[in-house]
Amino acid sequence: MKFPQKFFADSAYLGSERNPIQDDLKERGFSPQICEKGVRNQPLTPLQHLWNRVKSRIRCRVEHVFGEQKKRMGDETLRTIGGQRARFWIEMRNLAANIRRAMCLLK
């Protein structure tokens, strides 16, 4: 049995009734793990708060890595022609970030 890949996002990705992103993700084989948000006169329940914390803990581990790469590397647009070249430069950025992180951890 193959489990669907999880898609973590904050509440900005919820969209509206006209933009059902969760249904689209399910059709593509993802399990949407999107944080919920309260609205006026309908605050989140304690269970929703708990699930938002669980989802945010996982999501923040990844977002910090991308934030660090963007801060160090500058522009996040990649100007290449072809998927192989783009993949190469993305791997080089990841390698540089991993080396920098290893140096910090070994100090």
PDB file of N, CA and C in Angstrom:
ATOM      1  N   MET A   1       0.841  -1.182   0.000  1.00  0.00           N
ATOM      2  CA  MET A   1       0.000   0.000   0.000  1.00  0.00           C
ATOM      3  C   MET A   1       0.883   1.241   0.000  1.00  0.00           C
ATOM      4  N   LYS A   2       0.656   2.132  -0.923  1.00  0.00           N
ATOM      5  CA  LYS A   2       1.445   3.357  -1.038  1.00  0.00           C
ATOM      6  C   LYS A   2       0.722   4.492  -0.322  1.00  0.00           C
ATOM      7  N   PHE A   3       1.426   5.131   0.601  1.00  0.00           N
ATOM      8  CA  PHE A   3       0.848   6.253   1.339  1.00  0.00           C
ATOM      9  C   PHE A   3       1.055   7.536   0.541  1.00  0.00           C
ATOM     10  N   PRO A   4       0.077   8.437   0.575  1.00  0.00           N
ATOM     11  CA  PRO A   4       0.237   9.690  -0.176  1.00  0.00           C
ATOM     12  C   PRO A   4       1.308  10.574   0.456  1.00  0.00           C
ATOM     13  N   GLN A   5       1.977  11.335  -0.391  1.00  0.00           N
ATOM     14  CA  GLN A   5       2.987  12.273   0.080  1.00  0.00           C
ATOM     15  C   GLN A   5       2.287  13.447   0.744  1.00  0.00           C
ATOM     16  N   LYS A   6       2.813  13.896   1.878  1.00  0.00           N
ATOM     17  CA  LYS A   6       2.181  14.981   2.621  1.00  0.00           C
ATOM     18  C   LYS A   6       2.613  16.325   2.068  1.00  0.00           C
ATOM     19  N   PHE A   7       1.680  17.267   2.038  1.00  0.00           N
ATOM     20  CA  PHE A   7       1.908  18.622   1.555  1.00  0.00           C
ATOM     21  C   PHE A   7       1.639  19.567   2.709  1.00  0.00           C
ATOM     22  N   PHE A   8       2.699  20.158   3.273  1.00  0.00           N
ATOM     23  CA  PHE A   8       2.567  21.064   4.409  1.00  0.00           C
ATOM     24  C   PHE A   8       2.526  22.499   3.918  1.00  0.00           C
ATOM     25  N   ALA A   9       1.583  23.273   4.459  1.00  0.00           N
ATOM     26  CA  ALA A   9       1.465  24.677   4.074  1.00  0.00           C
ATOM     27  C   ALA A   9       0.783  25.440   5.197  1.00  0.00           C
ATOM     28  N   ASP A  10       0.924  26.766   5.159  1.00  0.00           N
ATOM     29  CA  ASP A  10       0.238  27.567   6.166  1.00  0.00           C
ATOM     30  C   ASP A  10      -1.162  27.905   5.667  1.00  0.00           C
ATOM     31  N   SER A  11      -1.880  28.677   6.448  1.00  0.00           N
ATOM     32  CA  SER A  11      -3.293  28.936   6.148  1.00  0.00           C
ATOM     33  C   SER A  11      -3.499  29.795   4.913  1.00  0.00           C
ATOM     34  N   ALA A  12      -2.460  30.425   4.410  1.00  0.00           N
ATOM     35  CA  ALA A  12      -2.609  31.234   3.206  1.00  0.00           C
ATOM     36  C   ALA A  12      -2.942  30.372   1.995  1.00  0.00           C
ATOM     37  N   TYR A  13      -2.625  29.095   2.039  1.00  0.00           N
ATOM     38  CA  TYR A  13      -2.886  28.200   0.918  1.00  0.00           C
ATOM     39  C   TYR A  13      -4.294  27.624   0.925  1.00  0.00           C
ATOM     40  N   LEU A  14      -5.080  27.949   1.924  1.00  0.00           N
ATOM     41  CA  LEU A  14      -6.429  27.402   1.965  1.00  0.00           C
ATOM     42  C   LEU A  14      -7.291  27.910   0.823  1.00  0.00           C
ATOM     43  N   GLY A  15      -7.143  29.148   0.454  1.00  0.00           N
ATOM     44  CA  GLY A  15      -7.942  29.702  -0.624  1.00  0.00           C
ATOM     45  C   GLY A  15      -9.384  29.898  -0.186  1.00  0.00           C
ATOM     46  N   SER A  16     -10.265  29.977  -1.148  1.00  0.00           N
ATOM     47  CA  SER A  16     -11.679  30.162  -0.864  1.00  0.00           C
ATOM     48  C   SER A  16     -12.465  29.035  -1.518  1.00  0.00           C
ATOM     49  N   GLU A  17     -13.780  29.160  -1.499  1.00  0.00           N
ATOM     50  CA  GLU A  17     -14.600  28.132  -2.115  1.00  0.00           C
ATOM     51  C   GLU A  17     -14.363  28.083  -3.628  1.00  0.00           C
ATOM     52  N   ARG A  18     -13.980  29.220  -4.197  1.00  0.00           N
ATOM     53  CA  ARG A  18     -13.699  29.260  -5.633  1.00  0.00           C
ATOM     54  C   ARG A  18     -12.345  28.661  -5.965  1.00  0.00           C
ATOM     55  N   ASN A  19     -11.489  28.475  -4.969  1.00  0.00           N
ATOM     56  CA  ASN A  19     -10.141  27.965  -5.186  1.00  0.00           C
ATOM     57  C   ASN A  19      -9.914  26.750  -4.288  1.00  0.00           C
ATOM     58  N   PRO A  20     -10.502  25.612  -4.613  1.00  0.00           N
ATOM     59  CA  PRO A  20     -10.377  24.441  -3.726  1.00  0.00           C
ATOM     60  C   PRO A  20      -9.038  23.732  -3.904  1.00  0.00           C
ATOM     61  N   ILE A  21      -8.007  24.262  -3.267  1.00  0.00           N
ATOM     62  CA  ILE A  21      -6.671  23.691  -3.430  1.00  0.00           C
ATOM     63  C   ILE A  21      -6.567  22.306  -2.791  1.00  0.00           C
ATOM     64  N   GLN A  22      -7.308  22.069  -1.727  1.00  0.00           N
ATOM     65  CA  GLN A  22      -7.215  20.764  -1.070  1.00  0.00           C
ATOM     66  C   GLN A  22      -7.720  19.653  -1.984  1.00  0.00           C
ATOM     67  N   ASP A  23      -8.801  19.901  -2.707  1.00  0.00           N
ATOM     68  CA  ASP A  23      -9.310  18.893  -3.635  1.00  0.00           C
ATOM     69  C   ASP A  23      -8.312  18.629  -4.753  1.00  0.00           C
ATOM     70  N   ASP A  24      -7.673  19.700  -5.232  1.00  0.00           N
ATOM     71  CA  ASP A  24      -6.674  19.560  -6.290  1.00  0.00           C
ATOM     72  C   ASP A  24      -5.484  18.742  -5.800  1.00  0.00           C
ATOM     73  N   LEU A  25      -5.054  18.985  -4.577  1.00  0.00           N
ATOM     74  CA  LEU A  25      -3.934  18.228  -4.017  1.00  0.00           C
ATOM     75  C   LEU A  25      -4.279  16.759  -3.867  1.00  0.00           C
ATOM     76  N   LYS A  26      -5.487  16.475  -3.416  1.00  0.00           N
ATOM     77  CA  LYS A  26      -5.907  15.082  -3.270  1.00  0.00           C
ATOM     78  C   LYS A  26      -5.947  14.367  -4.612  1.00  0.00           C
ATOM     79  N   GLU A  27      -6.399  15.062  -5.665  1.00  0.00           N
ATOM     80  CA  GLU A  27      -6.423  14.465  -6.996  1.00  0.00           C
ATOM     81  C   GLU A  27      -5.013  14.144  -7.483  1.00  0.00           C
ATOM     82  N   ARG A  28      -4.043  14.964  -7.097  1.00  0.00           N
ATOM     83  CA  ARG A  28      -2.653  14.743  -7.513  1.00  0.00           C
ATOM     84  C   ARG A  28      -1.926  13.722  -6.646  1.00  0.00           C
ATOM     85  N   GLY A  29      -2.584  13.194  -5.624  1.00  0.00           N
ATOM     86  CA  GLY A  29      -1.979  12.166  -4.793  1.00  0.00           C
ATOM     87  C   GLY A  29      -1.285  12.670  -3.550  1.00  0.00           C
ATOM     88  N   PHE A  30      -1.574  13.899  -3.129  1.00  0.00           N
ATOM     89  CA  PHE A  30      -0.970  14.458  -1.923  1.00  0.00           C
ATOM     90  C   PHE A  30      -1.967  14.409  -0.776  1.00  0.00           C
ATOM     91  N   SER A  31      -1.438  14.374   0.415  1.00  0.00           N
ATOM     92  CA  SER A  31      -2.253  14.495   1.619  1.00  0.00           C
ATOM     93  C   SER A  31      -2.063  15.911   2.162  1.00  0.00           C
ATOM     94  N   PRO A  32      -3.051  16.804   1.987  1.00  0.00           N
ATOM     95  CA  PRO A  32      -2.848  18.200   2.401  1.00  0.00           C
ATOM     96  C   PRO A  32      -2.797  18.348   3.923  1.00  0.00           C
ATOM     97  N   GLN A  33      -1.711  18.918   4.401  1.00  0.00           N
ATOM     98  CA  GLN A  33      -1.516  19.210   5.822  1.00  0.00           C
ATOM     99  C   GLN A  33      -1.450  20.729   5.974  1.00  0.00           C
ATOM    100  N   ILE A  34      -2.561  21.386   5.704  1.00  0.00           N
ATOM    101  CA  ILE A  34      -2.611  22.847   5.696  1.00  0.00           C
ATOM    102  C   ILE A  34      -3.169  23.341   7.025  1.00  0.00           C
ATOM    103  N   CYS A  35      -2.476  24.282   7.637  1.00  0.00           N
ATOM    104  CA  CYS A  35      -2.939  24.844   8.905  1.00  0.00           C
ATOM    105  C   CYS A  35      -4.272  25.553   8.702  1.00  0.00           C
ATOM    106  N   GLU A  36      -5.130  25.405   9.683  1.00  0.00           N
ATOM    107  CA  GLU A  36      -6.443  26.037   9.612  1.00  0.00           C
ATOM    108  C   GLU A  36      -6.369  27.403  10.280  1.00  0.00           C
ATOM    109  N   LYS A  37      -7.324  28.261   9.940  1.00  0.00           N
ATOM    110  CA  LYS A  37      -7.347  29.561  10.585  1.00  0.00           C
ATOM    111  C   LYS A  37      -8.768  29.886  11.006  1.00  0.00           C
ATOM    112  N   GLY A  38      -8.873  30.579  12.104  1.00  0.00           N
ATOM    113  CA  GLY A  38     -10.173  30.962  12.616  1.00  0.00           C
ATOM    114  C   GLY A  38     -10.702  32.191  11.901  1.00  0.00           C
ATOM    115  N   VAL A  39     -11.992  32.357  11.987  1.00  0.00           N
ATOM    116  CA  VAL A  39     -12.631  33.536  11.404  1.00  0.00           C
ATOM    117  C   VAL A  39     -13.374  34.265  12.515  1.00  0.00           C
ATOM    118  N   ARG A  40     -13.902  35.408  12.198  1.00  0.00           N
ATOM    119  CA  ARG A  40     -14.594  36.205  13.195  1.00  0.00           C
ATOM    120  C   ARG A  40     -15.738  35.403  13.819  1.00  0.00           C
ATOM    121  N   ASN A  41     -15.815  35.432  15.137  1.00  0.00           N
ATOM    122  CA  ASN A  41     -16.835  34.734  15.933  1.00  0.00           C
ATOM    123  C   ASN A  41     -16.781  33.221  15.792  1.00  0.00           C
ATOM    124  N   GLN A  42     -15.724  32.683  15.195  1.00  0.00           N
ATOM    125  CA  GLN A  42     -15.535  31.235  15.128  1.00  0.00           C
ATOM    126  C   GLN A  42     -14.058  30.927  15.364  1.00  0.00           C
ATOM    127  N   PRO A  43     -13.613  31.004  16.613  1.00  0.00           N
ATOM    128  CA  PRO A  43     -12.207  30.710  16.876  1.00  0.00           C
ATOM    129  C   PRO A  43     -11.914  29.223  16.684  1.00  0.00           C
ATOM    130  N   LEU A  44     -10.632  28.923  16.572  1.00  0.00           N
ATOM    131  CA  LEU A  44     -10.236  27.529  16.423  1.00  0.00           C
ATOM    132  C   LEU A  44     -10.533  26.756  17.707  1.00  0.00           C
ATOM    133  N   THR A  45     -10.864  25.493  17.546  1.00  0.00           N
ATOM    134  CA  THR A  45     -11.087  24.628  18.702  1.00  0.00           C
ATOM    135  C   THR A  45      -9.731  24.206  19.262  1.00  0.00           C
ATOM    136  N   PRO A  46      -9.685  23.716  20.490  1.00  0.00           N
ATOM    137  CA  PRO A  46      -8.398  23.249  21.031  1.00  0.00           C
ATOM    138  C   PRO A  46      -7.759  22.144  20.190  1.00  0.00           C
ATOM    139  N   LEU A  47      -8.570  21.277  19.598  1.00  0.00           N
ATOM    140  CA  LEU A  47      -8.023  20.222  18.737  1.00  0.00           C
ATOM    141  C   LEU A  47      -7.395  20.821  17.472  1.00  0.00           C
ATOM    142  N   GLN A  48      -8.025  21.847  16.903  1.00  0.00           N
ATOM    143  CA  GLN A  48      -7.456  22.507  15.732  1.00  0.00           C
ATOM    144  C   GLN A  48      -6.143  23.207  16.077  1.00  0.00           C
ATOM    145  N   HIS A  49      -6.073  23.823  17.263  1.00  0.00           N
ATOM    146  CA  HIS A  49      -4.821  24.439  17.712  1.00  0.00           C
ATOM    147  C   HIS A  49      -3.724  23.389  17.811  1.00  0.00           C
ATOM    148  N   LEU A  50      -4.046  22.239  18.371  1.00  0.00           N
ATOM    149  CA  LEU A  50      -3.069  21.167  18.523  1.00  0.00           C
ATOM    150  C   LEU A  50      -2.561  20.700  17.163  1.00  0.00           C
ATOM    151  N   TRP A  51      -3.461  20.461  16.218  1.00  0.00           N
ATOM    152  CA  TRP A  51      -3.058  19.998  14.895  1.00  0.00           C
ATOM    153  C   TRP A  51      -2.257  21.060  14.148  1.00  0.00           C
ATOM    154  N   ASN A  52      -2.595  22.325  14.329  1.00  0.00           N
ATOM    155  CA  ASN A  52      -1.808  23.390  13.704  1.00  0.00           C
ATOM    156  C   ASN A  52      -0.380  23.395  14.247  1.00  0.00           C
ATOM    157  N   ARG A  53      -0.222  23.139  15.540  1.00  0.00           N
ATOM    158  CA  ARG A  53       1.122  23.081  16.128  1.00  0.00           C
ATOM    159  C   ARG A  53       1.927  21.926  15.558  1.00  0.00           C
ATOM    160  N   VAL A  54       1.267  20.768  15.417  1.00  0.00           N
ATOM    161  CA  VAL A  54       1.956  19.593  14.862  1.00  0.00           C
ATOM    162  C   VAL A  54       2.394  19.873  13.426  1.00  0.00           C
ATOM    163  N   LYS A  55       1.504  20.436  12.635  1.00  0.00           N
ATOM    164  CA  LYS A  55       1.826  20.734  11.237  1.00  0.00           C
ATOM    165  C   LYS A  55       2.918  21.792  11.138  1.00  0.00           C
ATOM    166  N   SER A  56       2.872  22.801  11.983  1.00  0.00           N
ATOM    167  CA  SER A  56       3.848  23.886  11.934  1.00  0.00           C
ATOM    168  C   SER A  56       5.238  23.430  12.345  1.00  0.00           C
ATOM    169  N   ARG A  57       5.329  22.507  13.268  1.00  0.00           N
ATOM    170  CA  ARG A  57       6.642  22.008  13.691  1.00  0.00           C
ATOM    171  C   ARG A  57       7.376  21.349  12.535  1.00  0.00           C
ATOM    172  N   ILE A  58       6.656  20.605  11.735  1.00  0.00           N
ATOM    173  CA  ILE A  58       7.284  19.937  10.594  1.00  0.00           C
ATOM    174  C   ILE A  58       7.597  20.955   9.508  1.00  0.00           C
ATOM    175  N   ARG A  59       6.653  21.844   9.231  1.00  0.00           N
ATOM    176  CA  ARG A  59       6.815  22.809   8.151  1.00  0.00           C
ATOM    177  C   ARG A  59       7.979  23.770   8.412  1.00  0.00           C
ATOM    178  N   CYS A  60       8.160  24.186   9.658  1.00  0.00           N
ATOM    179  CA  CYS A  60       9.194  25.190   9.945  1.00  0.00           C
ATOM    180  C   CYS A  60      10.596  24.632   9.749  1.00  0.00           C
ATOM    181  N   ARG A  61      10.787  23.323   9.888  1.00  0.00           N
ATOM    182  CA  ARG A  61      12.114  22.737   9.663  1.00  0.00           C
ATOM    183  C   ARG A  61      12.559  22.939   8.219  1.00  0.00           C
ATOM    184  N   VAL A  62      11.625  22.821   7.303  1.00  0.00           N
ATOM    185  CA  VAL A  62      11.948  22.978   5.892  1.00  0.00           C
ATOM    186  C   VAL A  62      12.041  24.447   5.516  1.00  0.00           C
ATOM    187  N   GLU A  63      11.133  25.263   6.024  1.00  0.00           N
ATOM    188  CA  GLU A  63      11.111  26.673   5.638  1.00  0.00           C
ATOM    189  C   GLU A  63      12.351  27.415   6.114  1.00  0.00           C
ATOM    190  N   HIS A  64      12.932  27.022   7.232  1.00  0.00           N
ATOM    191  CA  HIS A  64      14.148  27.680   7.702  1.00  0.00           C
ATOM    192  C   HIS A  64      15.307  27.416   6.738  1.00  0.00           C
ATOM    193  N   VAL A  65      15.368  26.212   6.189  1.00  0.00           N
ATOM    194  CA  VAL A  65      16.435  25.887   5.238  1.00  0.00           C
ATOM    195  C   VAL A  65      16.304  26.731   3.983  1.00  0.00           C
ATOM    196  N   PHE A  66      15.093  26.830   3.438  1.00  0.00           N
ATOM    197  CA  PHE A  66      14.898  27.627   2.234  1.00  0.00           C
ATOM    198  C   PHE A  66      15.098  29.121   2.513  1.00  0.00           C
ATOM    199  N   GLY A  67      14.707  29.576   3.677  1.00  0.00           N
ATOM    200  CA  GLY A  67      14.923  30.967   4.034  1.00  0.00           C
ATOM    201  C   GLY A  67      16.393  31.305   4.126  1.00  0.00           C
ATOM    202  N   GLU A  68      17.181  30.409   4.698  1.00  0.00           N
ATOM    203  CA  GLU A  68      18.623  30.609   4.794  1.00  0.00           C
ATOM    204  C   GLU A  68      19.253  30.631   3.407  1.00  0.00           C
ATOM    205  N   GLN A  69      18.809  29.728   2.531  1.00  0.00           N
ATOM    206  CA  GLN A  69      19.357  29.708   1.170  1.00  0.00           C
ATOM    207  C   GLN A  69      19.014  30.994   0.427  1.00  0.00           C
ATOM    208  N   LYS A  70      17.810  31.466   0.591  1.00  0.00           N
ATOM    209  CA  LYS A  70      17.411  32.688  -0.100  1.00  0.00           C
ATOM    210  C   LYS A  70      18.196  33.890   0.427  1.00  0.00           C
ATOM    211  N   LYS A  71      18.415  33.927   1.748  1.00  0.00           N
ATOM    212  CA  LYS A  71      19.165  35.035   2.338  1.00  0.00           C
ATOM    213  C   LYS A  71      20.610  35.029   1.840  1.00  0.00           C
ATOM    214  N   ARG A  72      21.219  33.868   1.781  1.00  0.00           N
ATOM    215  CA  ARG A  72      22.618  33.767   1.371  1.00  0.00           C
ATOM    216  C   ARG A  72      22.809  33.913  -0.134  1.00  0.00           C
ATOM    217  N   MET A  73      21.934  33.260  -0.902  1.00  0.00           N
ATOM    218  CA  MET A  73      22.118  33.209  -2.357  1.00  0.00           C
ATOM    219  C   MET A  73      21.485  34.394  -3.068  1.00  0.00           C
ATOM    220  N   GLY A  74      20.601  35.102  -2.398  1.00  0.00           N
ATOM    221  CA  GLY A  74      19.967  36.242  -3.043  1.00  0.00           C
ATOM    222  C   GLY A  74      18.704  35.845  -3.781  1.00  0.00           C
ATOM    223  N   ASP A  75      18.648  36.203  -5.027  1.00  0.00           N
ATOM    224  CA  ASP A  75      17.449  35.998  -5.838  1.00  0.00           C
ATOM    225  C   ASP A  75      17.113  34.515  -5.922  1.00  0.00           C
ATOM    226  N   GLU A  76      15.828  34.201  -5.837  1.00  0.00           N
ATOM    227  CA  GLU A  76      15.422  32.803  -5.892  1.00  0.00           C
ATOM    228  C   GLU A  76      15.058  32.337  -7.288  1.00  0.00           C
ATOM    229  N   THR A  77      15.105  33.226  -8.280  1.00  0.00           N
ATOM    230  CA  THR A  77      14.827  32.793  -9.646  1.00  0.00           C
ATOM    231  C   THR A  77      16.077  32.155 -10.228  1.00  0.00           C
ATOM    232  N   LEU A  78      15.863  31.112 -10.968  1.00  0.00           N
ATOM    233  CA  LEU A  78      16.963  30.361 -11.558  1.00  0.00           C
ATOM    234  C   LEU A  78      16.879  30.548 -13.069  1.00  0.00           C
ATOM    235  N   ARG A  79      17.890  31.142 -13.635  1.00  0.00           N
ATOM    236  CA  ARG A  79      17.866  31.459 -15.064  1.00  0.00           C
ATOM    237  C   ARG A  79      18.723  30.453 -15.826  1.00  0.00           C
ATOM    238  N   THR A  80      18.110  29.357 -16.219  1.00  0.00           N
ATOM    239  CA  THR A  80      18.786  28.355 -17.031  1.00  0.00           C
ATOM    240  C   THR A  80      17.834  27.897 -18.118  1.00  0.00           C
ATOM    241  N   ILE A  81      18.395  27.260 -19.116  1.00  0.00           N
ATOM    242  CA  ILE A  81      17.584  26.638 -20.154  1.00  0.00           C
ATOM    243  C   ILE A  81      17.768  25.133 -20.007  1.00  0.00           C
ATOM    244  N   GLY A  82      16.678  24.448 -19.750  1.00  0.00           N
ATOM    245  CA  GLY A  82      16.740  22.999 -19.618  1.00  0.00           C
ATOM    246  C   GLY A  82      16.647  22.550 -18.182  1.00  0.00           C
ATOM    247  N   GLY A  83      15.993  21.427 -18.003  1.00  0.00           N
ATOM    248  CA  GLY A  83      15.792  20.890 -16.665  1.00  0.00           C
ATOM    249  C   GLY A  83      17.061  20.373 -16.018  1.00  0.00           C
ATOM    250  N   GLN A  84      17.972  19.786 -16.822  1.00  0.00           N
ATOM    251  CA  GLN A  84      19.198  19.242 -16.245  1.00  0.00           C
ATOM    252  C   GLN A  84      20.096  20.337 -15.676  1.00  0.00           C
ATOM    253  N   ARG A  85      20.195  21.443 -16.384  1.00  0.00           N
ATOM    254  CA  ARG A  85      21.003  22.551 -15.868  1.00  0.00           C
ATOM    255  C   ARG A  85      20.381  23.149 -14.616  1.00  0.00           C
ATOM    256  N   ALA A  86      19.068  23.295 -14.608  1.00  0.00           N
ATOM    257  CA  ALA A  86      18.392  23.826 -13.423  1.00  0.00           C
ATOM    258  C   ALA A  86      18.602  22.894 -12.244  1.00  0.00           C
ATOM    259  N   ARG A  87      18.460  21.590 -12.472  1.00  0.00           N
ATOM    260  CA  ARG A  87      18.666  20.614 -11.404  1.00  0.00           C
ATOM    261  C   ARG A  87      20.094  20.694 -10.868  1.00  0.00           C
ATOM    262  N   PHE A  88      21.070  20.853 -11.775  1.00  0.00           N
ATOM    263  CA  PHE A  88      22.466  20.967 -11.369  1.00  0.00           C
ATOM    264  C   PHE A  88      22.673  22.160 -10.441  1.00  0.00           C
ATOM    265  N   TRP A  89      22.144  23.332 -10.814  1.00  0.00           N
ATOM    266  CA  TRP A  89      22.356  24.525  -9.998  1.00  0.00           C
ATOM    267  C   TRP A  89      21.599  24.461  -8.684  1.00  0.00           C
ATOM    268  N   ILE A  90      20.448  23.821  -8.674  1.00  0.00           N
ATOM    269  CA  ILE A  90      19.732  23.640  -7.410  1.00  0.00           C
ATOM    270  C   ILE A  90      20.534  22.734  -6.489  1.00  0.00           C
ATOM    271  N   GLU A  91      21.106  21.670  -7.064  1.00  0.00           N
ATOM    272  CA  GLU A  91      21.939  20.777  -6.251  1.00  0.00           C
ATOM    273  C   GLU A  91      23.178  21.483  -5.734  1.00  0.00           C
ATOM    274  N   MET A  92      23.752  22.378  -6.531  1.00  0.00           N
ATOM    275  CA  MET A  92      24.924  23.128  -6.079  1.00  0.00           C
ATOM    276  C   MET A  92      24.559  24.068  -4.929  1.00  0.00           C
ATOM    277  N   ARG A  93      23.399  24.712  -5.028  1.00  0.00           N
ATOM    278  CA  ARG A  93      22.946  25.576  -3.920  1.00  0.00           C
ATOM    279  C   ARG A  93      22.732  24.753  -2.653  1.00  0.00           C
ATOM    280  N   ASN A  94      22.116  23.584  -2.801  1.00  0.00           N
ATOM    281  CA  ASN A  94      21.893  22.722  -1.639  1.00  0.00           C
ATOM    282  C   ASN A  94      23.214  22.246  -1.049  1.00  0.00           C
ATOM    283  N   LEU A  95      24.166  21.892  -1.913  1.00  0.00           N
ATOM    284  CA  LEU A  95      25.474  21.453  -1.433  1.00  0.00           C
ATOM    285  C   LEU A  95      26.179  22.564  -0.667  1.00  0.00           C
ATOM    286  N   ALA A  96      26.142  23.775  -1.207  1.00  0.00           N
ATOM    287  CA  ALA A  96      26.778  24.909  -0.523  1.00  0.00           C
ATOM    288  C   ALA A  96      26.122  25.164   0.831  1.00  0.00           C
ATOM    289  N   ALA A  97      24.804  25.063   0.890  1.00  0.00           N
ATOM    290  CA  ALA A  97      24.108  25.272   2.160  1.00  0.00           C
ATOM    291  C   ALA A  97      24.459  24.177   3.158  1.00  0.00           C
ATOM    292  N   ASN A  98      24.570  22.932   2.678  1.00  0.00           N
ATOM    293  CA  ASN A  98      24.925  21.834   3.577  1.00  0.00           C
ATOM    294  C   ASN A  98      26.350  21.961   4.091  1.00  0.00           C
ATOM    295  N   ILE A  99      27.268  22.387   3.254  1.00  0.00           N
ATOM    296  CA  ILE A  99      28.651  22.579   3.694  1.00  0.00           C
ATOM    297  C   ILE A  99      28.720  23.700   4.726  1.00  0.00           C
ATOM    298  N   ARG A 100      28.016  24.800   4.464  1.00  0.00           N
ATOM    299  CA  ARG A 100      27.995  25.913   5.415  1.00  0.00           C
ATOM    300  C   ARG A 100      27.392  25.479   6.753  1.00  0.00           C
ATOM    301  N   ARG A 101      26.340  24.672   6.689  1.00  0.00           N
ATOM    302  CA  ARG A 101      25.702  24.187   7.926  1.00  0.00           C
ATOM    303  C   ARG A 101      26.621  23.234   8.678  1.00  0.00           C
ATOM    304  N   ALA A 102      27.323  22.370   7.951  1.00  0.00           N
ATOM    305  CA  ALA A 102      28.256  21.441   8.596  1.00  0.00           C
ATOM    306  C   ALA A 102      29.380  22.189   9.274  1.00  0.00           C
ATOM    307  N   MET A 103      29.879  23.255   8.637  1.00  0.00           N
ATOM    308  CA  MET A 103      30.947  24.059   9.247  1.00  0.00           C
ATOM    309  C   MET A 103      30.471  24.688  10.545  1.00  0.00           C
ATOM    310  N   CYS A 104      29.227  25.169  10.568  1.00  0.00           N
ATOM    311  CA  CYS A 104      28.699  25.769  11.780  1.00  0.00           C
ATOM    312  C   CYS A 104      28.528  24.736  12.886  1.00  0.00           C
ATOM    313  N   LEU A 105      28.095  23.530  12.506  1.00  0.00           N
ATOM    314  CA  LEU A 105      27.884  22.486  13.507  1.00  0.00           C
ATOM    315  C   LEU A 105      29.194  21.947  14.057  1.00  0.00           C
ATOM    316  N   LEU A 106      30.261  21.962  13.256  1.00  0.00           N
ATOM    317  CA  LEU A 106      31.539  21.427  13.711  1.00  0.00           C
ATOM    318  C   LEU A 106      32.339  22.403  14.541  1.00  0.00           C
ATOM    319  N   LYS A 107      31.965  23.691  14.535  1.00  0.00           N
ATOM    320  CA  LYS A 107      32.680  24.687  15.342  1.00  0.00           C
ATOM    321  C   LYS A 107      32.490  24.458  16.808  1.00  0.00           C
TER     322      LYS A 107
END
